[in-house]
Amino acid sequence: MYSQLRRTGCRPLEAFGHIAFGLVLLGLGLACAGADLLGGWERAGRLLTGAG
């Protein structure tokens, strides 16, 4: 992925920024899917805080 961005003319820091942004979007998508699978954000929050 990095070499692909470099070939299109992105500077190294800019390329890493694009990769980091993609990973953040992927993480948010996984968090949303996980919360839906657990039955909602409230239940997911209770599970993460240990409240049950």
PDB file of N, CA and C in Angstrom:
ATOM      1  N   MET A   1       0.832  -1.192   0.000  1.00  0.00           N
ATOM      2  CA  MET A   1       0.000   0.000   0.000  1.00  0.00           C
ATOM      3  C   MET A   1       0.877   1.257   0.000  1.00  0.00           C
ATOM      4  N   TYR A   2       1.921   1.233   0.824  1.00  0.00           N
ATOM      5  CA  TYR A   2       2.809   2.397   0.906  1.00  0.00           C
ATOM      6  C   TYR A   2       3.482   2.653  -0.437  1.00  0.00           C
ATOM      7  N   SER A   3       3.992   1.574  -1.066  1.00  0.00           N
ATOM      8  CA  SER A   3       4.677   1.753  -2.344  1.00  0.00           C
ATOM      9  C   SER A   3       3.709   2.232  -3.426  1.00  0.00           C
ATOM     10  N   GLN A   4       2.467   1.792  -3.352  1.00  0.00           N
ATOM     11  CA  GLN A   4       1.456   2.253  -4.298  1.00  0.00           C
ATOM     12  C   GLN A   4       1.225   3.765  -4.155  1.00  0.00           C
ATOM     13  N   LEU A   5       1.115   4.238  -2.921  1.00  0.00           N
ATOM     14  CA  LEU A   5       0.924   5.663  -2.686  1.00  0.00           C
ATOM     15  C   LEU A   5       2.152   6.463  -3.122  1.00  0.00           C
ATOM     16  N   ARG A   6       3.336   5.892  -2.918  1.00  0.00           N
ATOM     17  CA  ARG A   6       4.559   6.595  -3.322  1.00  0.00           C
ATOM     18  C   ARG A   6       4.621   6.737  -4.835  1.00  0.00           C
ATOM     19  N   ARG A   7       4.162   5.707  -5.562  1.00  0.00           N
ATOM     20  CA  ARG A   7       4.194   5.758  -7.022  1.00  0.00           C
ATOM     21  C   ARG A   7       3.257   6.828  -7.568  1.00  0.00           C
ATOM     22  N   THR A   8       2.178   7.125  -6.829  1.00  0.00           N
ATOM     23  CA  THR A   8       1.234   8.140  -7.291  1.00  0.00           C
ATOM     24  C   THR A   8       1.688   9.547  -6.928  1.00  0.00           C
ATOM     25  N   GLY A   9       2.807   9.680  -6.198  1.00  0.00           N
ATOM     26  CA  GLY A   9       3.370  10.995  -5.922  1.00  0.00           C
ATOM     27  C   GLY A   9       3.151  11.496  -4.514  1.00  0.00           C
ATOM     28  N   CYS A  10       2.635  10.684  -3.611  1.00  0.00           N
ATOM     29  CA  CYS A  10       2.447  11.114  -2.222  1.00  0.00           C
ATOM     30  C   CYS A  10       3.802  11.166  -1.511  1.00  0.00           C
ATOM     31  N   ARG A  11       3.981  12.171  -0.679  1.00  0.00           N
ATOM     32  CA  ARG A  11       5.177  12.235   0.150  1.00  0.00           C
ATOM     33  C   ARG A  11       5.032  11.211   1.270  1.00  0.00           C
ATOM     34  N   PRO A  12       6.162  10.785   1.883  1.00  0.00           N
ATOM     35  CA  PRO A  12       6.094   9.726   2.907  1.00  0.00           C
ATOM     36  C   PRO A  12       5.128  10.033   4.051  1.00  0.00           C
ATOM     37  N   LEU A  13       5.186  11.238   4.605  1.00  0.00           N
ATOM     38  CA  LEU A  13       4.305  11.565   5.722  1.00  0.00           C
ATOM     39  C   LEU A  13       2.848  11.566   5.279  1.00  0.00           C
ATOM     40  N   GLU A  14       2.602  12.051   4.087  1.00  0.00           N
ATOM     41  CA  GLU A  14       1.245  12.071   3.542  1.00  0.00           C
ATOM     42  C   GLU A  14       0.737  10.648   3.320  1.00  0.00           C
ATOM     43  N   ALA A  15       1.616   9.772   2.836  1.00  0.00           N
ATOM     44  CA  ALA A  15       1.235   8.379   2.610  1.00  0.00           C
ATOM     45  C   ALA A  15       0.880   7.701   3.932  1.00  0.00           C
ATOM     46  N   PHE A  16       1.686   7.917   4.964  1.00  0.00           N
ATOM     47  CA  PHE A  16       1.383   7.328   6.273  1.00  0.00           C
ATOM     48  C   PHE A  16       0.083   7.894   6.841  1.00  0.00           C
ATOM     49  N   GLY A  17      -0.189   9.155   6.576  1.00  0.00           N
ATOM     50  CA  GLY A  17      -1.452   9.751   7.016  1.00  0.00           C
ATOM     51  C   GLY A  17      -2.646   9.079   6.365  1.00  0.00           C
ATOM     52  N   HIS A  18      -2.532   8.794   5.076  1.00  0.00           N
ATOM     53  CA  HIS A  18      -3.617   8.107   4.373  1.00  0.00           C
ATOM     54  C   HIS A  18      -3.837   6.705   4.949  1.00  0.00           C
ATOM     55  N   ILE A  19      -2.742   6.009   5.218  1.00  0.00           N
ATOM     56  CA  ILE A  19      -2.837   4.652   5.770  1.00  0.00           C
ATOM     57  C   ILE A  19      -3.459   4.701   7.165  1.00  0.00           C
ATOM     58  N   ALA A  20      -3.023   5.653   8.003  1.00  0.00           N
ATOM     59  CA  ALA A  20      -3.572   5.772   9.360  1.00  0.00           C
ATOM     60  C   ALA A  20      -5.058   6.108   9.319  1.00  0.00           C
ATOM     61  N   PHE A  21      -5.450   6.988   8.414  1.00  0.00           N
ATOM     62  CA  PHE A  21      -6.862   7.350   8.284  1.00  0.00           C
ATOM     63  C   PHE A  21      -7.688   6.129   7.887  1.00  0.00           C
ATOM     64  N   GLY A  22      -7.168   5.328   6.983  1.00  0.00           N
ATOM     65  CA  GLY A  22      -7.863   4.100   6.583  1.00  0.00           C
ATOM     66  C   GLY A  22      -8.012   3.136   7.744  1.00  0.00           C
ATOM     67  N   LEU A  23      -6.978   3.012   8.562  1.00  0.00           N
ATOM     68  CA  LEU A  23      -7.051   2.114   9.715  1.00  0.00           C
ATOM     69  C   LEU A  23      -8.051   2.613  10.750  1.00  0.00           C
ATOM     70  N   VAL A  24      -8.129   3.935  10.937  1.00  0.00           N
ATOM     71  CA  VAL A  24      -9.108   4.510  11.864  1.00  0.00           C
ATOM     72  C   VAL A  24     -10.525   4.220  11.382  1.00  0.00           C
ATOM     73  N   LEU A  25     -10.766   4.401  10.084  1.00  0.00           N
ATOM     74  CA  LEU A  25     -12.092   4.103   9.542  1.00  0.00           C
ATOM     75  C   LEU A  25     -12.437   2.634   9.697  1.00  0.00           C
ATOM     76  N   LEU A  26     -11.462   1.762   9.482  1.00  0.00           N
ATOM     77  CA  LEU A  26     -11.686   0.326   9.664  1.00  0.00           C
ATOM     78  C   LEU A  26     -12.024   0.018  11.124  1.00  0.00           C
ATOM     79  N   GLY A  27     -11.301   0.633  12.057  1.00  0.00           N
ATOM     80  CA  GLY A  27     -11.577   0.421  13.482  1.00  0.00           C
ATOM     81  C   GLY A  27     -12.957   0.898  13.879  1.00  0.00           C
ATOM     82  N   LEU A  28     -13.363   2.053  13.365  1.00  0.00           N
ATOM     83  CA  LEU A  28     -14.708   2.552  13.664  1.00  0.00           C
ATOM     84  C   LEU A  28     -15.774   1.623  13.106  1.00  0.00           C
ATOM     85  N   GLY A  29     -15.551   1.118  11.916  1.00  0.00           N
ATOM     86  CA  GLY A  29     -16.497   0.177  11.325  1.00  0.00           C
ATOM     87  C   GLY A  29     -16.610  -1.092  12.141  1.00  0.00           C
ATOM     88  N   LEU A  30     -15.484  -1.596  12.612  1.00  0.00           N
ATOM     89  CA  LEU A  30     -15.506  -2.797  13.445  1.00  0.00           C
ATOM     90  C   LEU A  30     -16.177  -2.528  14.790  1.00  0.00           C
ATOM     91  N   ALA A  31     -15.971  -1.339  15.352  1.00  0.00           N
ATOM     92  CA  ALA A  31     -16.615  -0.982  16.622  1.00  0.00           C
ATOM     93  C   ALA A  31     -18.127  -0.925  16.454  1.00  0.00           C
ATOM     94  N   CYS A  32     -18.587  -0.343  15.356  1.00  0.00           N
ATOM     95  CA  CYS A  32     -20.031  -0.271  15.103  1.00  0.00           C
ATOM     96  C   CYS A  32     -20.620  -1.657  14.917  1.00  0.00           C
ATOM     97  N   ALA A  33     -19.931  -2.497  14.154  1.00  0.00           N
ATOM     98  CA  ALA A  33     -20.425  -3.856  13.934  1.00  0.00           C
ATOM     99  C   ALA A  33     -20.438  -4.640  15.238  1.00  0.00           C
ATOM    100  N   GLY A  34     -19.400  -4.474  16.047  1.00  0.00           N
ATOM    101  CA  GLY A  34     -19.339  -5.177  17.332  1.00  0.00           C
ATOM    102  C   GLY A  34     -20.439  -4.733  18.273  1.00  0.00           C
ATOM    103  N   ALA A  35     -20.728  -3.447  18.307  1.00  0.00           N
ATOM    104  CA  ALA A  35     -21.791  -2.940  19.179  1.00  0.00           C
ATOM    105  C   ALA A  35     -23.146  -3.469  18.719  1.00  0.00           C
ATOM    106  N   ASP A  36     -23.358  -3.531  17.422  1.00  0.00           N
ATOM    107  CA  ASP A  36     -24.614  -4.073  16.911  1.00  0.00           C
ATOM    108  C   ASP A  36     -24.749  -5.544  17.276  1.00  0.00           C
ATOM    109  N   LEU A  37     -23.649  -6.280  17.188  1.00  0.00           N
ATOM    110  CA  LEU A  37     -23.702  -7.705  17.529  1.00  0.00           C
ATOM    111  C   LEU A  37     -23.943  -7.924  19.024  1.00  0.00           C
ATOM    112  N   LEU A  38     -23.444  -7.009  19.850  1.00  0.00           N
ATOM    113  CA  LEU A  38     -23.631  -7.146  21.299  1.00  0.00           C
ATOM    114  C   LEU A  38     -25.004  -6.664  21.755  1.00  0.00           C
ATOM    115  N   GLY A  39     -25.753  -6.027  20.895  1.00  0.00           N
ATOM    116  CA  GLY A  39     -27.094  -5.596  21.272  1.00  0.00           C
ATOM    117  C   GLY A  39     -27.194  -4.113  21.554  1.00  0.00           C
ATOM    118  N   GLY A  40     -26.267  -3.326  21.074  1.00  0.00           N
ATOM    119  CA  GLY A  40     -26.365  -1.884  21.241  1.00  0.00           C
ATOM    120  C   GLY A  40     -25.191  -1.303  21.989  1.00  0.00           C
ATOM    121  N   TRP A  41     -25.052   0.030  21.877  1.00  0.00           N
ATOM    122  CA  TRP A  41     -23.922   0.729  22.474  1.00  0.00           C
ATOM    123  C   TRP A  41     -23.960   0.704  23.995  1.00  0.00           C
ATOM    124  N   GLU A  42     -25.164   0.755  24.574  1.00  0.00           N
ATOM    125  CA  GLU A  42     -25.262   0.773  26.040  1.00  0.00           C
ATOM    126  C   GLU A  42     -24.752  -0.544  26.625  1.00  0.00           C
ATOM    127  N   ARG A  43     -25.167  -1.649  26.036  1.00  0.00           N
ATOM    128  CA  ARG A  43     -24.726  -2.950  26.544  1.00  0.00           C
ATOM    129  C   ARG A  43     -23.228  -3.135  26.296  1.00  0.00           C
ATOM    130  N   ALA A  44     -22.731  -2.683  25.153  1.00  0.00           N
ATOM    131  CA  ALA A  44     -21.306  -2.775  24.870  1.00  0.00           C
ATOM    132  C   ALA A  44     -20.494  -1.963  25.893  1.00  0.00           C
ATOM    133  N   GLY A  45     -20.988  -0.786  26.252  1.00  0.00           N
ATOM    134  CA  GLY A  45     -20.313   0.030  27.249  1.00  0.00           C
ATOM    135  C   GLY A  45     -20.301  -0.623  28.619  1.00  0.00           C
ATOM    136  N   ARG A  46     -21.421  -1.231  28.988  1.00  0.00           N
ATOM    137  CA  ARG A  46     -21.479  -1.933  30.285  1.00  0.00           C
ATOM    138  C   ARG A  46     -20.509  -3.098  30.304  1.00  0.00           C
ATOM    139  N   LEU A  47     -20.399  -3.809  29.172  1.00  0.00           N
ATOM    140  CA  LEU A  47     -19.488  -4.947  29.105  1.00  0.00           C
ATOM    141  C   LEU A  47     -18.036  -4.487  29.233  1.00  0.00           C
ATOM    142  N   LEU A  48     -17.697  -3.378  28.566  1.00  0.00           N
ATOM    143  CA  LEU A  48     -16.320  -2.872  28.631  1.00  0.00           C
ATOM    144  C   LEU A  48     -15.963  -2.320  29.999  1.00  0.00           C
ATOM    145  N   THR A  49     -16.928  -1.726  30.702  1.00  0.00           N
ATOM    146  CA  THR A  49     -16.632  -1.167  32.030  1.00  0.00           C
ATOM    147  C   THR A  49     -16.753  -2.196  33.137  1.00  0.00           C
ATOM    148  N   GLY A  50     -17.232  -3.382  32.803  1.00  0.00           N
ATOM    149  CA  GLY A  50     -17.353  -4.432  33.798  1.00  0.00           C
ATOM    150  C   GLY A  50     -18.646  -4.381  34.574  1.00  0.00           C
ATOM    151  N   ALA A  51     -19.608  -3.579  34.129  1.00  0.00           N
ATOM    152  CA  ALA A  51     -20.868  -3.467  34.854  1.00  0.00           C
ATOM    153  C   ALA A  51     -21.872  -4.545  34.418  1.00  0.00           C
ATOM    154  N   GLY A  52     -21.448  -5.428  33.559  1.00  0.00           N
ATOM    155  CA  GLY A  52     -22.309  -6.541  33.288  1.00  0.00           C
ATOM    156  C   GLY A  52     -22.824  -6.716  31.955  1.00  0.00           C
TER     157      GLY A  52
END
